[in-house]
């Protein structure tokens, strides 16, 4: 998932650069929000990928 997010981010960065070159202010504003949200999602995915997938529940006990 992280690698796919990086590909999408690069595409948005390229589109934003072209919009700046062409002077398309509305397009720049339209790209900035998804780019910001994508970067947040990327950071969250990286953080979650470092978490352990195993949950230790301990040994069950029997009541006397």
C-alpha atoms as a PDB file:
ATOM      1  CA  UNK A   1       0.000   0.000   0.000  1.00  0.00           C
ATOM      2  CA  UNK A   2       2.810   2.407   0.870  1.00  0.00           C
ATOM      3  CA  UNK A   3       4.468   2.014  -2.519  1.00  0.00           C
ATOM      4  CA  UNK A   4       1.179   2.666  -4.322  1.00  0.00           C
ATOM      5  CA  UNK A   5       0.628   5.822  -2.252  1.00  0.00           C
ATOM      6  CA  UNK A   6       4.087   7.038  -3.277  1.00  0.00           C
ATOM      7  CA  UNK A   7       3.210   6.537  -6.967  1.00  0.00           C
ATOM      8  CA  UNK A   8      -0.016   8.500  -6.544  1.00  0.00           C
ATOM      9  CA  UNK A   9       1.809  11.232  -4.623  1.00  0.00           C
ATOM     10  CA  UNK A  10       4.403  11.598  -7.384  1.00  0.00           C
ATOM     11  CA  UNK A  11       1.634  11.889  -9.970  1.00  0.00           C
ATOM     12  CA  UNK A  12      -0.041  14.662  -7.970  1.00  0.00           C
ATOM     13  CA  UNK A  13       3.279  16.472  -7.495  1.00  0.00           C
ATOM     14  CA  UNK A  14       3.916  16.312 -11.255  1.00  0.00           C
ATOM     15  CA  UNK A  15       0.403  17.572 -12.008  1.00  0.00           C
ATOM     16  CA  UNK A  16       0.847  20.410  -9.510  1.00  0.00           C
ATOM     17  CA  UNK A  17       4.171  21.424 -11.079  1.00  0.00           C
ATOM     18  CA  UNK A  18       2.555  21.544 -14.516  1.00  0.00           C
ATOM     19  CA  UNK A  19      -0.332  23.583 -13.126  1.00  0.00           C
ATOM     20  CA  UNK A  20       2.173  26.059 -11.667  1.00  0.00           C
ATOM     21  CA  UNK A  21       4.024  26.287 -14.997  1.00  0.00           C
ATOM     22  CA  UNK A  22       0.759  26.911 -16.836  1.00  0.00           C
ATOM     23  CA  UNK A  23      -0.562  29.364 -14.230  1.00  0.00           C
ATOM     24  CA  UNK A  24      -3.649  27.299 -13.423  1.00  0.00           C
ATOM     25  CA  UNK A  25      -4.383  28.618  -9.918  1.00  0.00           C
ATOM     26  CA  UNK A  26      -7.660  26.734  -9.543  1.00  0.00           C
ATOM     27  CA  UNK A  27      -5.987  23.465 -10.495  1.00  0.00           C
ATOM     28  CA  UNK A  28      -3.232  24.066  -7.940  1.00  0.00           C
ATOM     29  CA  UNK A  29      -5.811  24.594  -5.207  1.00  0.00           C
ATOM     30  CA  UNK A  30      -7.664  21.499  -6.383  1.00  0.00           C
ATOM     31  CA  UNK A  31      -4.504  19.387  -6.111  1.00  0.00           C
ATOM     32  CA  UNK A  32      -3.260  20.736  -2.775  1.00  0.00           C
ATOM     33  CA  UNK A  33      -6.029  19.220  -0.638  1.00  0.00           C
ATOM     34  CA  UNK A  34      -5.827  15.659  -2.032  1.00  0.00           C
ATOM     35  CA  UNK A  35      -2.035  15.857  -1.871  1.00  0.00           C
ATOM     36  CA  UNK A  36      -2.163  16.854   1.786  1.00  0.00           C
ATOM     37  CA  UNK A  37      -4.631  14.069   2.615  1.00  0.00           C
ATOM     38  CA  UNK A  38      -2.579  11.542   0.677  1.00  0.00           C
ATOM     39  CA  UNK A  39       0.545  12.454   2.634  1.00  0.00           C
ATOM     40  CA  UNK A  40      -1.366  12.001   5.906  1.00  0.00           C
ATOM     41  CA  UNK A  41      -2.581   8.595   4.734  1.00  0.00           C
ATOM     42  CA  UNK A  42       0.972   7.646   3.735  1.00  0.00           C
ATOM     43  CA  UNK A  43       2.321   8.619   7.164  1.00  0.00           C
ATOM     44  CA  UNK A  44      -0.434   6.604   8.851  1.00  0.00           C
ATOM     45  CA  UNK A  45       0.238   3.566   6.653  1.00  0.00           C
ATOM     46  CA  UNK A  46       3.953   3.714   7.470  1.00  0.00           C
ATOM     47  CA  UNK A  47       3.165   3.994  11.183  1.00  0.00           C
ATOM     48  CA  UNK A  48       0.722   1.084  11.084  1.00  0.00           C
ATOM     49  CA  UNK A  49       3.082  -1.118   9.088  1.00  0.00           C
ATOM     50  CA  UNK A  50       5.535  -0.967  11.990  1.00  0.00           C
ATOM     51  CA  UNK A  51       3.002  -2.261  14.517  1.00  0.00           C
ATOM     52  CA  UNK A  52       2.937  -5.873  15.549  1.00  0.00           C
ATOM     53  CA  UNK A  53       0.121  -7.913  14.055  1.00  0.00           C
ATOM     54  CA  UNK A  54       0.116 -10.358  16.955  1.00  0.00           C
ATOM     55  CA  UNK A  55      -2.091  -9.768  19.959  1.00  0.00           C
ATOM     56  CA  UNK A  56      -1.022 -11.496  23.168  1.00  0.00           C
ATOM     57  CA  UNK A  57      -4.073 -12.408  25.203  1.00  0.00           C
ATOM     58  CA  UNK A  58      -2.300 -14.347  27.931  1.00  0.00           C
ATOM     59  CA  UNK A  59      -3.278 -17.717  29.353  1.00  0.00           C
ATOM     60  CA  UNK A  60      -6.898 -18.259  30.284  1.00  0.00           C
ATOM     61  CA  UNK A  61      -7.561 -19.069  33.888  1.00  0.00           C
ATOM     62  CA  UNK A  62     -10.121 -21.396  35.367  1.00  0.00           C
ATOM     63  CA  UNK A  63     -12.276 -20.372  38.247  1.00  0.00           C
ATOM     64  CA  UNK A  64     -12.080 -22.545  41.413  1.00  0.00           C
END
